[in-house]
Amino acid sequence: MANYLEIARENIRHNLPVHAVTAGILLCLSPLVLGVKNLPLADTAKVLEMYVALIGIILIPPVFLPEQNPDLRDLIRSKYTKISTVYSIRAIEAVLVLALYLGVYILILHINGCQMEAPAYYAGTLAEMIFMGGLGLLFYSLTDNLIAGYMIPVFYYITAMGAGSKYLKVFYPFSMTKGSYTEKYWLLAGGVILMATAVRIRSRK
């Protein structure tokens, strides 16, 4: 247990800060990009789904970044703790930071008089974050390229904006804007599977 706590401390000290700060800056800039005061239900959902959820792409794919150097990856593999455990701890930490940021942001929206179904909006947006981040993490594990880990979920996002729910069906990310939450269950399940698969693939390389 102490070993796992030490891994968590090292991850927080060295891996999360840059990406967490970047995500925080993106959220702080949101008032310059879109309205965040006195929004009706649909517009609040749009802000969360089309803007806030993007930080999932920033925080989750870099989970494998410290081992981009093959020599460092081999060194970590030689340690007692399995590399899959290290990756899993990093992924959980990234999701926890996402959950914290999202909670604070929803609180700010509430203070600003935005209408919302807070628990549903929170869970739905977090599910979308996990799916888009998991999609990036999977392609990073397959290509060993962080840029691919960023670009694939961005492509998915653009496709969703252009094609709508017609082609993406249950994996349409902007369903809350239309008052539907069923898709969020699929996104959450898909995101967890994508992340678990990515960790498994990366751990075997």
N, C-alpha and C. Protein backbone atom coordinates (compact mmCIF):
# COMPACT_ATOMS: atom_id res chain seq x y z
N MET A 1 0.83 -1.20 0.00
CA MET A 1 0.00 0.00 0.00
C MET A 1 0.87 1.26 0.00
N ALA A 2 1.91 1.24 0.82
CA ALA A 2 2.81 2.39 0.90
C ALA A 2 3.48 2.64 -0.45
N ASN A 3 3.78 1.54 -1.16
CA ASN A 3 4.41 1.65 -2.46
C ASN A 3 3.49 2.36 -3.44
N TYR A 4 2.18 2.00 -3.41
CA TYR A 4 1.22 2.62 -4.30
C TYR A 4 1.05 4.10 -3.98
N LEU A 5 1.07 4.45 -2.69
CA LEU A 5 0.95 5.85 -2.30
C LEU A 5 2.15 6.65 -2.79
N GLU A 6 3.32 6.05 -2.75
CA GLU A 6 4.53 6.71 -3.24
C GLU A 6 4.43 6.96 -4.74
N ILE A 7 3.91 5.98 -5.47
CA ILE A 7 3.71 6.14 -6.91
C ILE A 7 2.77 7.30 -7.18
N ALA A 8 1.67 7.36 -6.41
CA ALA A 8 0.70 8.43 -6.58
C ALA A 8 1.33 9.79 -6.32
N ARG A 9 2.14 9.89 -5.27
CA ARG A 9 2.80 11.17 -4.97
C ARG A 9 3.74 11.58 -6.08
N GLU A 10 4.50 10.62 -6.62
CA GLU A 10 5.42 10.94 -7.70
C GLU A 10 4.68 11.36 -8.95
N ASN A 11 3.56 10.70 -9.23
CA ASN A 11 2.77 11.07 -10.41
C ASN A 11 2.24 12.48 -10.29
N ILE A 12 1.72 12.81 -9.11
CA ILE A 12 1.18 14.15 -8.89
C ILE A 12 2.28 15.20 -9.00
N ARG A 13 3.46 14.87 -8.49
CA ARG A 13 4.56 15.83 -8.47
C ARG A 13 5.11 16.09 -9.86
N HIS A 14 5.19 15.05 -10.70
CA HIS A 14 5.90 15.18 -11.96
C HIS A 14 5.02 15.17 -13.21
N ASN A 15 3.88 14.51 -13.17
CA ASN A 15 3.14 14.27 -14.41
C ASN A 15 1.89 15.12 -14.59
N LEU A 16 1.15 15.35 -13.51
CA LEU A 16 -0.12 16.03 -13.64
C LEU A 16 -0.06 17.55 -13.75
N PRO A 17 0.87 18.23 -13.07
CA PRO A 17 0.76 19.69 -12.96
C PRO A 17 0.62 20.43 -14.28
N VAL A 18 1.46 20.15 -15.27
CA VAL A 18 1.42 20.90 -16.53
C VAL A 18 0.08 20.74 -17.22
N HIS A 19 -0.41 19.53 -17.32
CA HIS A 19 -1.67 19.28 -18.00
C HIS A 19 -2.85 19.81 -17.20
N ALA A 20 -2.75 19.70 -15.86
CA ALA A 20 -3.82 20.22 -15.00
C ALA A 20 -3.91 21.74 -15.11
N VAL A 21 -2.75 22.40 -15.14
CA VAL A 21 -2.74 23.86 -15.29
C VAL A 21 -3.31 24.27 -16.64
N THR A 22 -2.94 23.54 -17.69
CA THR A 22 -3.46 23.83 -19.03
C THR A 22 -4.98 23.70 -19.06
N ALA A 23 -5.50 22.64 -18.47
CA ALA A 23 -6.95 22.44 -18.42
C ALA A 23 -7.61 23.54 -17.61
N GLY A 24 -6.99 23.93 -16.50
CA GLY A 24 -7.55 25.00 -15.68
C GLY A 24 -7.61 26.32 -16.42
N ILE A 25 -6.55 26.62 -17.18
CA ILE A 25 -6.54 27.85 -17.98
C ILE A 25 -7.65 27.84 -19.02
N LEU A 26 -7.84 26.68 -19.67
CA LEU A 26 -8.90 26.56 -20.66
C LEU A 26 -10.27 26.86 -20.04
N LEU A 27 -10.50 26.36 -18.83
CA LEU A 27 -11.77 26.61 -18.16
C LEU A 27 -11.91 28.08 -17.76
N CYS A 28 -10.82 28.68 -17.32
CA CYS A 28 -10.86 30.09 -16.93
C CYS A 28 -11.13 31.01 -18.10
N LEU A 29 -10.76 30.56 -19.30
CA LEU A 29 -10.98 31.38 -20.51
C LEU A 29 -12.39 31.25 -21.06
N SER A 30 -13.17 30.33 -20.51
CA SER A 30 -14.51 30.08 -21.06
C SER A 30 -15.41 31.31 -21.12
N PRO A 31 -15.38 32.24 -20.14
CA PRO A 31 -16.24 33.42 -20.26
C PRO A 31 -15.92 34.29 -21.47
N LEU A 32 -14.68 34.18 -21.98
CA LEU A 32 -14.29 34.94 -23.16
C LEU A 32 -14.79 34.30 -24.45
N VAL A 33 -15.12 33.01 -24.36
CA VAL A 33 -15.53 32.25 -25.55
C VAL A 33 -17.04 32.11 -25.63
N LEU A 34 -17.69 31.96 -24.49
CA LEU A 34 -19.13 31.73 -24.46
C LEU A 34 -19.72 32.29 -23.17
N GLY A 35 -21.04 32.42 -23.16
CA GLY A 35 -21.71 32.94 -21.98
C GLY A 35 -21.78 31.91 -20.87
N VAL A 36 -21.64 32.37 -19.64
CA VAL A 36 -21.72 31.46 -18.50
C VAL A 36 -22.64 32.03 -17.41
N LYS A 37 -23.55 32.91 -17.81
CA LYS A 37 -24.47 33.51 -16.84
C LYS A 37 -25.91 33.39 -17.32
N ASN A 38 -26.79 33.01 -16.39
CA ASN A 38 -28.23 32.98 -16.63
C ASN A 38 -28.61 32.16 -17.88
N LEU A 39 -27.98 31.02 -18.03
CA LEU A 39 -28.24 30.18 -19.20
C LEU A 39 -29.44 29.27 -18.95
N PRO A 40 -30.28 29.03 -19.97
CA PRO A 40 -31.33 28.02 -19.83
C PRO A 40 -30.73 26.62 -19.87
N LEU A 41 -31.55 25.61 -19.61
CA LEU A 41 -31.06 24.24 -19.50
C LEU A 41 -30.23 23.81 -20.71
N ALA A 42 -30.77 23.99 -21.91
CA ALA A 42 -30.09 23.50 -23.11
C ALA A 42 -28.75 24.18 -23.32
N ASP A 43 -28.68 25.47 -23.04
CA ASP A 43 -27.42 26.20 -23.23
C ASP A 43 -26.38 25.82 -22.18
N THR A 44 -26.83 25.54 -20.96
CA THR A 44 -25.90 25.07 -19.94
C THR A 44 -25.31 23.73 -20.34
N ALA A 45 -26.17 22.84 -20.84
CA ALA A 45 -25.70 21.53 -21.31
C ALA A 45 -24.71 21.70 -22.47
N LYS A 46 -24.98 22.66 -23.34
CA LYS A 46 -24.09 22.88 -24.49
C LYS A 46 -22.71 23.33 -24.02
N VAL A 47 -22.66 24.22 -23.04
CA VAL A 47 -21.37 24.68 -22.51
C VAL A 47 -20.58 23.50 -21.95
N LEU A 48 -21.25 22.65 -21.19
CA LEU A 48 -20.57 21.52 -20.56
C LEU A 48 -20.12 20.49 -21.59
N GLU A 49 -20.99 20.17 -22.54
CA GLU A 49 -20.68 19.11 -23.50
C GLU A 49 -19.72 19.55 -24.58
N MET A 50 -19.85 20.79 -25.04
CA MET A 50 -19.07 21.24 -26.19
C MET A 50 -17.80 21.99 -25.81
N TYR A 51 -17.66 22.35 -24.55
CA TYR A 51 -16.46 23.10 -24.15
C TYR A 51 -15.75 22.44 -22.97
N VAL A 52 -16.46 22.33 -21.85
CA VAL A 52 -15.82 21.83 -20.63
C VAL A 52 -15.31 20.40 -20.81
N ALA A 53 -16.05 19.57 -21.51
CA ALA A 53 -15.66 18.16 -21.69
C ALA A 53 -14.34 18.00 -22.44
N LEU A 54 -13.92 19.04 -23.15
CA LEU A 54 -12.68 18.96 -23.92
C LEU A 54 -11.45 18.75 -23.04
N ILE A 55 -11.53 19.12 -21.77
CA ILE A 55 -10.34 18.95 -20.93
C ILE A 55 -10.04 17.47 -20.67
N GLY A 56 -10.99 16.59 -20.96
CA GLY A 56 -10.71 15.16 -20.90
C GLY A 56 -9.62 14.77 -21.88
N ILE A 57 -9.58 15.46 -23.02
CA ILE A 57 -8.55 15.20 -24.04
C ILE A 57 -7.19 15.67 -23.55
N ILE A 58 -7.18 16.70 -22.72
CA ILE A 58 -5.92 17.25 -22.23
C ILE A 58 -5.31 16.40 -21.12
N LEU A 59 -6.16 15.88 -20.23
CA LEU A 59 -5.64 15.24 -19.02
C LEU A 59 -5.41 13.73 -19.11
N ILE A 60 -6.21 13.03 -19.89
CA ILE A 60 -6.10 11.56 -19.87
C ILE A 60 -5.04 11.00 -20.83
N PRO A 61 -4.97 11.41 -22.09
CA PRO A 61 -3.97 10.80 -22.98
C PRO A 61 -2.52 10.85 -22.51
N PRO A 62 -2.06 11.89 -21.78
CA PRO A 62 -0.65 11.91 -21.37
C PRO A 62 -0.28 10.90 -20.28
N VAL A 63 -1.17 10.02 -19.90
CA VAL A 63 -0.87 9.02 -18.87
C VAL A 63 0.40 8.24 -19.19
N PHE A 64 0.65 7.98 -20.46
CA PHE A 64 1.82 7.19 -20.85
C PHE A 64 3.04 8.04 -21.18
N LEU A 65 2.92 9.34 -21.07
CA LEU A 65 3.97 10.24 -21.56
C LEU A 65 5.33 10.03 -20.90
N PRO A 66 5.42 9.83 -19.57
CA PRO A 66 6.75 9.68 -18.96
C PRO A 66 7.56 8.52 -19.53
N GLU A 67 6.89 7.50 -20.04
CA GLU A 67 7.60 6.34 -20.60
C GLU A 67 7.78 6.44 -22.11
N GLN A 68 7.66 7.66 -22.65
CA GLN A 68 7.89 7.84 -24.08
C GLN A 68 9.32 7.42 -24.43
N ASN A 69 10.22 7.61 -23.48
CA ASN A 69 11.60 7.15 -23.65
C ASN A 69 11.64 5.64 -23.36
N PRO A 70 11.96 4.80 -24.35
CA PRO A 70 11.97 3.34 -24.15
C PRO A 70 12.90 2.89 -23.02
N ASP A 71 14.03 3.59 -22.83
CA ASP A 71 14.95 3.20 -21.77
C ASP A 71 14.31 3.38 -20.40
N LEU A 72 13.58 4.50 -20.24
CA LEU A 72 12.89 4.75 -18.98
C LEU A 72 11.78 3.72 -18.77
N ARG A 73 11.12 3.35 -19.85
CA ARG A 73 10.05 2.36 -19.77
C ARG A 73 10.63 1.01 -19.30
N ASP A 74 11.77 0.64 -19.83
CA ASP A 74 12.40 -0.62 -19.42
C ASP A 74 12.84 -0.56 -17.96
N LEU A 75 13.30 0.62 -17.53
CA LEU A 75 13.72 0.78 -16.13
C LEU A 75 12.53 0.58 -15.19
N ILE A 76 11.40 1.16 -15.53
CA ILE A 76 10.20 1.04 -14.69
C ILE A 76 9.73 -0.41 -14.66
N ARG A 77 9.84 -1.10 -15.81
CA ARG A 77 9.42 -2.50 -15.87
C ARG A 77 10.25 -3.37 -14.92
N SER A 78 11.48 -2.93 -14.64
CA SER A 78 12.36 -3.74 -13.79
C SER A 78 12.03 -3.59 -12.30
N LYS A 79 11.17 -2.63 -11.97
CA LYS A 79 10.80 -2.41 -10.57
C LYS A 79 9.77 -3.43 -10.12
N TYR A 80 9.57 -3.47 -8.80
CA TYR A 80 8.65 -4.43 -8.20
C TYR A 80 7.21 -4.18 -8.63
N THR A 81 6.79 -2.93 -8.65
CA THR A 81 5.41 -2.58 -9.00
C THR A 81 5.19 -2.77 -10.49
N LYS A 82 4.11 -3.44 -10.86
CA LYS A 82 3.81 -3.65 -12.27
C LYS A 82 3.57 -2.32 -12.98
N ILE A 83 4.01 -2.23 -14.22
CA ILE A 83 3.84 -1.00 -14.97
C ILE A 83 2.35 -0.72 -15.23
N SER A 84 1.56 -1.79 -15.33
CA SER A 84 0.11 -1.59 -15.52
C SER A 84 -0.51 -0.91 -14.30
N THR A 85 0.03 -1.20 -13.11
CA THR A 85 -0.45 -0.54 -11.89
C THR A 85 -0.10 0.94 -11.91
N VAL A 86 1.11 1.26 -12.36
CA VAL A 86 1.53 2.66 -12.47
C VAL A 86 0.60 3.41 -13.42
N TYR A 87 0.33 2.82 -14.58
CA TYR A 87 -0.56 3.45 -15.55
C TYR A 87 -1.96 3.63 -14.98
N SER A 88 -2.44 2.62 -14.29
CA SER A 88 -3.80 2.67 -13.74
C SER A 88 -3.93 3.77 -12.70
N ILE A 89 -2.91 3.92 -11.85
CA ILE A 89 -2.93 4.97 -10.84
C ILE A 89 -2.94 6.34 -11.50
N ARG A 90 -2.14 6.51 -12.54
CA ARG A 90 -2.13 7.79 -13.26
C ARG A 90 -3.49 8.08 -13.88
N ALA A 91 -4.10 7.08 -14.48
CA ALA A 91 -5.40 7.26 -15.12
C ALA A 91 -6.46 7.67 -14.09
N ILE A 92 -6.44 7.01 -12.95
CA ILE A 92 -7.40 7.34 -11.89
C ILE A 92 -7.17 8.76 -11.39
N GLU A 93 -5.91 9.16 -11.23
CA GLU A 93 -5.61 10.52 -10.81
C GLU A 93 -6.13 11.54 -11.81
N ALA A 94 -5.96 11.26 -13.10
CA ALA A 94 -6.45 12.17 -14.14
C ALA A 94 -7.96 12.31 -14.06
N VAL A 95 -8.66 11.21 -13.86
CA VAL A 95 -10.12 11.25 -13.76
C VAL A 95 -10.55 12.03 -12.52
N LEU A 96 -9.83 11.87 -11.42
CA LEU A 96 -10.16 12.60 -10.20
C LEU A 96 -9.98 14.11 -10.38
N VAL A 97 -8.94 14.50 -11.09
CA VAL A 97 -8.75 15.93 -11.38
C VAL A 97 -9.88 16.44 -12.26
N LEU A 98 -10.26 15.66 -13.26
CA LEU A 98 -11.39 16.03 -14.11
C LEU A 98 -12.66 16.20 -13.29
N ALA A 99 -12.90 15.27 -12.39
CA ALA A 99 -14.10 15.32 -11.56
C ALA A 99 -14.10 16.58 -10.68
N LEU A 100 -12.93 16.92 -10.15
CA LEU A 100 -12.82 18.11 -9.31
C LEU A 100 -13.06 19.38 -10.12
N TYR A 101 -12.40 19.50 -11.25
CA TYR A 101 -12.58 20.68 -12.10
C TYR A 101 -14.04 20.84 -12.53
N LEU A 102 -14.64 19.73 -12.91
CA LEU A 102 -16.03 19.77 -13.37
C LEU A 102 -16.96 20.21 -12.24
N GLY A 103 -16.73 19.68 -11.04
CA GLY A 103 -17.56 20.07 -9.91
C GLY A 103 -17.48 21.55 -9.62
N VAL A 104 -16.26 22.09 -9.64
CA VAL A 104 -16.07 23.52 -9.39
C VAL A 104 -16.75 24.34 -10.49
N TYR A 105 -16.62 23.90 -11.73
CA TYR A 105 -17.19 24.65 -12.85
C TYR A 105 -18.72 24.66 -12.78
N ILE A 106 -19.31 23.52 -12.46
CA ILE A 106 -20.76 23.46 -12.33
C ILE A 106 -21.24 24.34 -11.18
N LEU A 107 -20.48 24.38 -10.10
CA LEU A 107 -20.83 25.26 -8.97
C LEU A 107 -20.82 26.71 -9.42
N ILE A 108 -19.83 27.09 -10.20
CA ILE A 108 -19.74 28.47 -10.70
C ILE A 108 -20.94 28.79 -11.61
N LEU A 109 -21.30 27.84 -12.47
CA LEU A 109 -22.48 28.03 -13.32
C LEU A 109 -23.73 28.24 -12.47
N HIS A 110 -23.85 27.45 -11.43
CA HIS A 110 -25.00 27.57 -10.53
C HIS A 110 -25.03 28.94 -9.86
N ILE A 111 -23.88 29.39 -9.38
CA ILE A 111 -23.79 30.71 -8.74
C ILE A 111 -24.16 31.81 -9.74
N ASN A 112 -23.82 31.60 -11.01
CA ASN A 112 -24.11 32.59 -12.05
C ASN A 112 -25.54 32.51 -12.58
N GLY A 113 -26.36 31.70 -11.94
CA GLY A 113 -27.77 31.67 -12.29
C GLY A 113 -28.13 30.80 -13.48
N CYS A 114 -27.26 29.88 -13.85
CA CYS A 114 -27.55 29.00 -14.98
C CYS A 114 -28.48 27.86 -14.52
N GLN A 115 -29.45 27.56 -15.36
CA GLN A 115 -30.36 26.45 -15.06
C GLN A 115 -29.66 25.13 -15.38
N MET A 116 -29.90 24.13 -14.54
CA MET A 116 -29.26 22.84 -14.79
C MET A 116 -29.89 21.76 -13.92
N GLU A 117 -29.74 20.54 -14.39
CA GLU A 117 -30.03 19.37 -13.57
C GLU A 117 -28.67 18.88 -13.10
N ALA A 118 -28.20 19.46 -12.00
CA ALA A 118 -26.79 19.36 -11.61
C ALA A 118 -26.24 17.93 -11.57
N PRO A 119 -26.87 16.98 -10.86
CA PRO A 119 -26.30 15.63 -10.80
C PRO A 119 -26.20 14.97 -12.17
N ALA A 120 -27.25 15.12 -12.98
CA ALA A 120 -27.26 14.51 -14.31
C ALA A 120 -26.24 15.17 -15.22
N TYR A 121 -26.15 16.49 -15.16
CA TYR A 121 -25.19 17.20 -15.99
C TYR A 121 -23.75 16.86 -15.58
N TYR A 122 -23.53 16.73 -14.29
CA TYR A 122 -22.19 16.38 -13.80
C TYR A 122 -21.79 14.99 -14.30
N ALA A 123 -22.66 14.02 -14.08
CA ALA A 123 -22.35 12.64 -14.47
C ALA A 123 -22.21 12.52 -15.99
N GLY A 124 -23.10 13.18 -16.73
CA GLY A 124 -23.07 13.10 -18.18
C GLY A 124 -21.81 13.71 -18.78
N THR A 125 -21.41 14.86 -18.24
CA THR A 125 -20.20 15.52 -18.75
C THR A 125 -18.95 14.72 -18.40
N LEU A 126 -18.91 14.18 -17.19
CA LEU A 126 -17.76 13.36 -16.79
C LEU A 126 -17.65 12.12 -17.67
N ALA A 127 -18.78 11.52 -18.01
CA ALA A 127 -18.78 10.35 -18.90
C ALA A 127 -18.19 10.72 -20.26
N GLU A 128 -18.56 11.89 -20.78
CA GLU A 128 -18.02 12.33 -22.06
C GLU A 128 -16.52 12.58 -21.96
N MET A 129 -16.09 13.19 -20.87
CA MET A 129 -14.66 13.42 -20.66
C MET A 129 -13.88 12.11 -20.68
N ILE A 130 -14.39 11.12 -19.96
CA ILE A 130 -13.72 9.83 -19.87
C ILE A 130 -13.67 9.15 -21.23
N PHE A 131 -14.76 9.26 -22.01
CA PHE A 131 -14.77 8.62 -23.32
C PHE A 131 -13.76 9.27 -24.27
N MET A 132 -13.79 10.60 -24.34
CA MET A 132 -12.86 11.27 -25.26
C MET A 132 -11.42 11.08 -24.82
N GLY A 133 -11.17 11.16 -23.51
CA GLY A 133 -9.83 10.90 -23.01
C GLY A 133 -9.40 9.47 -23.24
N GLY A 134 -10.32 8.52 -23.03
CA GLY A 134 -10.01 7.11 -23.27
C GLY A 134 -9.73 6.82 -24.72
N LEU A 135 -10.44 7.50 -25.61
CA LEU A 135 -10.20 7.34 -27.05
C LEU A 135 -8.78 7.80 -27.39
N GLY A 136 -8.38 8.92 -26.83
CA GLY A 136 -7.03 9.41 -27.07
C GLY A 136 -5.98 8.49 -26.47
N LEU A 137 -6.26 7.98 -25.28
CA LEU A 137 -5.31 7.08 -24.62
C LEU A 137 -5.11 5.80 -25.42
N LEU A 138 -6.20 5.27 -25.99
CA LEU A 138 -6.09 4.04 -26.78
C LEU A 138 -5.20 4.26 -28.00
N PHE A 139 -5.40 5.36 -28.71
CA PHE A 139 -4.61 5.59 -29.91
C PHE A 139 -3.17 5.95 -29.58
N TYR A 140 -2.96 6.54 -28.42
CA TYR A 140 -1.58 6.76 -27.97
C TYR A 140 -0.91 5.41 -27.73
N SER A 141 -1.63 4.48 -27.12
CA SER A 141 -1.04 3.16 -26.84
C SER A 141 -0.75 2.40 -28.13
N LEU A 142 -1.57 2.61 -29.14
CA LEU A 142 -1.40 1.89 -30.41
C LEU A 142 -0.28 2.49 -31.27
N THR A 143 -0.15 3.81 -31.24
CA THR A 143 0.79 4.48 -32.15
C THR A 143 2.07 4.93 -31.46
N ASP A 144 2.07 4.95 -30.11
CA ASP A 144 3.21 5.47 -29.36
C ASP A 144 3.45 6.93 -29.71
N ASN A 145 2.36 7.64 -30.00
CA ASN A 145 2.46 9.04 -30.43
C ASN A 145 1.38 9.85 -29.72
N LEU A 146 1.80 10.80 -28.88
CA LEU A 146 0.85 11.59 -28.12
C LEU A 146 -0.01 12.48 -29.02
N ILE A 147 0.58 12.95 -30.13
CA ILE A 147 -0.18 13.80 -31.05
C ILE A 147 -1.40 13.03 -31.57
N ALA A 148 -1.21 11.76 -31.90
CA ALA A 148 -2.34 10.93 -32.33
C ALA A 148 -3.36 10.80 -31.21
N GLY A 149 -2.86 10.73 -29.97
CA GLY A 149 -3.75 10.65 -28.83
C GLY A 149 -4.60 11.88 -28.65
N TYR A 150 -4.11 13.01 -29.12
CA TYR A 150 -4.90 14.24 -29.09
C TYR A 150 -5.82 14.37 -30.31
N MET A 151 -5.29 14.01 -31.47
CA MET A 151 -6.01 14.29 -32.72
C MET A 151 -7.23 13.40 -32.93
N ILE A 152 -7.17 12.13 -32.53
CA ILE A 152 -8.29 11.23 -32.76
C ILE A 152 -9.55 11.68 -32.02
N PRO A 153 -9.47 12.00 -30.71
CA PRO A 153 -10.68 12.50 -30.05
C PRO A 153 -11.14 13.85 -30.59
N VAL A 154 -10.20 14.69 -31.05
CA VAL A 154 -10.60 15.95 -31.68
C VAL A 154 -11.38 15.66 -32.96
N PHE A 155 -10.92 14.69 -33.72
CA PHE A 155 -11.62 14.29 -34.94
C PHE A 155 -13.02 13.76 -34.60
N TYR A 156 -13.11 12.96 -33.55
CA TYR A 156 -14.41 12.46 -33.08
C TYR A 156 -15.33 13.62 -32.71
N TYR A 157 -14.78 14.61 -32.03
CA TYR A 157 -15.55 15.79 -31.62
C TYR A 157 -16.07 16.55 -32.83
N ILE A 158 -15.20 16.77 -33.81
CA ILE A 158 -15.59 17.48 -35.03
C ILE A 158 -16.65 16.69 -35.80
N THR A 159 -16.47 15.37 -35.87
CA THR A 159 -17.44 14.51 -36.54
C THR A 159 -18.80 14.61 -35.87
N ALA A 160 -18.81 14.64 -34.54
CA ALA A 160 -20.07 14.74 -33.80
C ALA A 160 -20.77 16.06 -34.09
N MET A 161 -19.99 17.12 -34.24
CA MET A 161 -20.58 18.42 -34.54
C MET A 161 -21.17 18.45 -35.95
N GLY A 162 -20.50 17.76 -36.88
CA GLY A 162 -20.97 17.79 -38.26
C GLY A 162 -22.04 16.76 -38.58
N ALA A 163 -21.84 15.54 -38.08
CA ALA A 163 -22.76 14.46 -38.44
C ALA A 163 -23.94 14.36 -37.48
N GLY A 164 -23.81 14.91 -36.28
CA GLY A 164 -24.89 14.80 -35.30
C GLY A 164 -25.06 13.37 -34.83
N SER A 165 -26.23 13.07 -34.34
CA SER A 165 -26.50 11.75 -33.77
C SER A 165 -26.84 10.71 -34.83
N LYS A 166 -26.96 11.14 -36.09
CA LYS A 166 -27.39 10.23 -37.15
C LYS A 166 -26.43 9.07 -37.33
N TYR A 167 -25.14 9.32 -37.25
CA TYR A 167 -24.14 8.28 -37.49
C TYR A 167 -23.51 7.75 -36.21
N LEU A 168 -23.39 8.60 -35.21
CA LEU A 168 -22.74 8.17 -33.97
C LEU A 168 -23.68 7.41 -33.04
N LYS A 169 -24.97 7.56 -33.25
CA LYS A 169 -25.98 6.81 -32.48
C LYS A 169 -25.76 6.97 -30.98
N VAL A 170 -25.54 5.85 -30.28
CA VAL A 170 -25.44 5.88 -28.82
C VAL A 170 -24.14 6.52 -28.34
N PHE A 171 -23.20 6.76 -29.25
CA PHE A 171 -21.95 7.41 -28.87
C PHE A 171 -21.93 8.89 -29.27
N TYR A 172 -23.10 9.45 -29.48
CA TYR A 172 -23.21 10.88 -29.75
C TYR A 172 -22.94 11.64 -28.45
N PRO A 173 -21.96 12.54 -28.43
CA PRO A 173 -21.53 13.14 -27.15
C PRO A 173 -22.37 14.31 -26.66
N PHE A 174 -23.21 14.88 -27.52
CA PHE A 174 -23.92 16.11 -27.15
C PHE A 174 -25.41 15.86 -26.87
N SER A 175 -25.73 14.72 -26.33
CA SER A 175 -27.13 14.32 -26.16
C SER A 175 -27.86 15.11 -25.08
N MET A 176 -27.14 15.60 -24.07
CA MET A 176 -27.81 16.34 -22.99
C MET A 176 -28.46 17.61 -23.52
N THR A 177 -27.87 18.19 -24.55
CA THR A 177 -28.45 19.39 -25.16
C THR A 177 -29.84 19.10 -25.69
N LYS A 178 -30.06 17.85 -26.09
CA LYS A 178 -31.36 17.43 -26.61
C LYS A 178 -32.23 16.78 -25.55
N GLY A 179 -31.76 16.79 -24.32
CA GLY A 179 -32.55 16.25 -23.21
C GLY A 179 -32.46 14.75 -23.03
N SER A 180 -31.45 14.11 -23.66
CA SER A 180 -31.31 12.65 -23.56
C SER A 180 -30.04 12.30 -22.78
N TYR A 181 -30.16 11.31 -21.89
CA TYR A 181 -29.01 10.89 -21.09
C TYR A 181 -28.59 9.45 -21.36
N THR A 182 -29.36 8.73 -22.16
CA THR A 182 -29.05 7.32 -22.43
C THR A 182 -27.65 7.16 -23.02
N GLU A 183 -27.29 8.08 -23.92
CA GLU A 183 -25.99 7.99 -24.57
C GLU A 183 -24.83 8.08 -23.59
N LYS A 184 -25.06 8.75 -22.48
CA LYS A 184 -23.98 8.94 -21.51
C LYS A 184 -23.57 7.62 -20.86
N TYR A 185 -24.51 6.71 -20.68
CA TYR A 185 -24.17 5.39 -20.14
C TYR A 185 -23.23 4.66 -21.09
N TRP A 186 -23.52 4.77 -22.38
CA TRP A 186 -22.66 4.13 -23.38
C TRP A 186 -21.29 4.78 -23.42
N LEU A 187 -21.27 6.10 -23.31
CA LEU A 187 -19.98 6.80 -23.32
C LEU A 187 -19.13 6.42 -22.11
N LEU A 188 -19.76 6.33 -20.95
CA LEU A 188 -19.01 5.95 -19.75
C LEU A 188 -18.45 4.54 -19.87
N ALA A 189 -19.30 3.60 -20.28
CA ALA A 189 -18.85 2.22 -20.44
C ALA A 189 -17.75 2.13 -21.50
N GLY A 190 -17.97 2.82 -22.61
CA GLY A 190 -16.97 2.82 -23.68
C GLY A 190 -15.66 3.43 -23.23
N GLY A 191 -15.73 4.53 -22.46
CA GLY A 191 -14.52 5.19 -21.98
C GLY A 191 -13.71 4.30 -21.06
N VAL A 192 -14.39 3.62 -20.15
CA VAL A 192 -13.70 2.72 -19.21
C VAL A 192 -13.03 1.57 -19.98
N ILE A 193 -13.75 1.02 -20.95
CA ILE A 193 -13.19 -0.07 -21.76
C ILE A 193 -11.99 0.41 -22.56
N LEU A 194 -12.10 1.59 -23.16
CA LEU A 194 -11.00 2.15 -23.93
C LEU A 194 -9.75 2.35 -23.07
N MET A 195 -9.95 2.89 -21.87
CA MET A 195 -8.81 3.14 -20.99
C MET A 195 -8.18 1.83 -20.52
N ALA A 196 -9.01 0.87 -20.16
CA ALA A 196 -8.49 -0.42 -19.71
C ALA A 196 -7.73 -1.13 -20.83
N THR A 197 -8.28 -1.05 -22.05
CA THR A 197 -7.62 -1.67 -23.20
C THR A 197 -6.29 -0.99 -23.49
N ALA A 198 -6.29 0.34 -23.40
CA ALA A 198 -5.06 1.09 -23.65
C ALA A 198 -3.97 0.71 -22.65
N VAL A 199 -4.32 0.61 -21.38
CA VAL A 199 -3.36 0.23 -20.36
C VAL A 199 -2.81 -1.17 -20.62
N ARG A 200 -3.70 -2.07 -21.01
CA ARG A 200 -3.28 -3.45 -21.29
C ARG A 200 -2.32 -3.50 -22.47
N ILE A 201 -2.67 -2.79 -23.53
CA ILE A 201 -1.82 -2.78 -24.73
C ILE A 201 -0.45 -2.18 -24.42
N ARG A 202 -0.48 -1.04 -23.74
CA ARG A 202 0.78 -0.34 -23.43
C ARG A 202 1.66 -1.17 -22.50
N SER A 203 1.04 -1.86 -21.57
CA SER A 203 1.80 -2.65 -20.60
C SER A 203 2.51 -3.83 -21.25
N ARG A 204 1.98 -4.27 -22.40
CA ARG A 204 2.56 -5.43 -23.09
C ARG A 204 3.66 -5.03 -24.08
N LYS A 205 3.78 -3.73 -24.37
CA LYS A 205 4.78 -3.30 -25.33
C LYS A 205 6.19 -3.30 -24.72
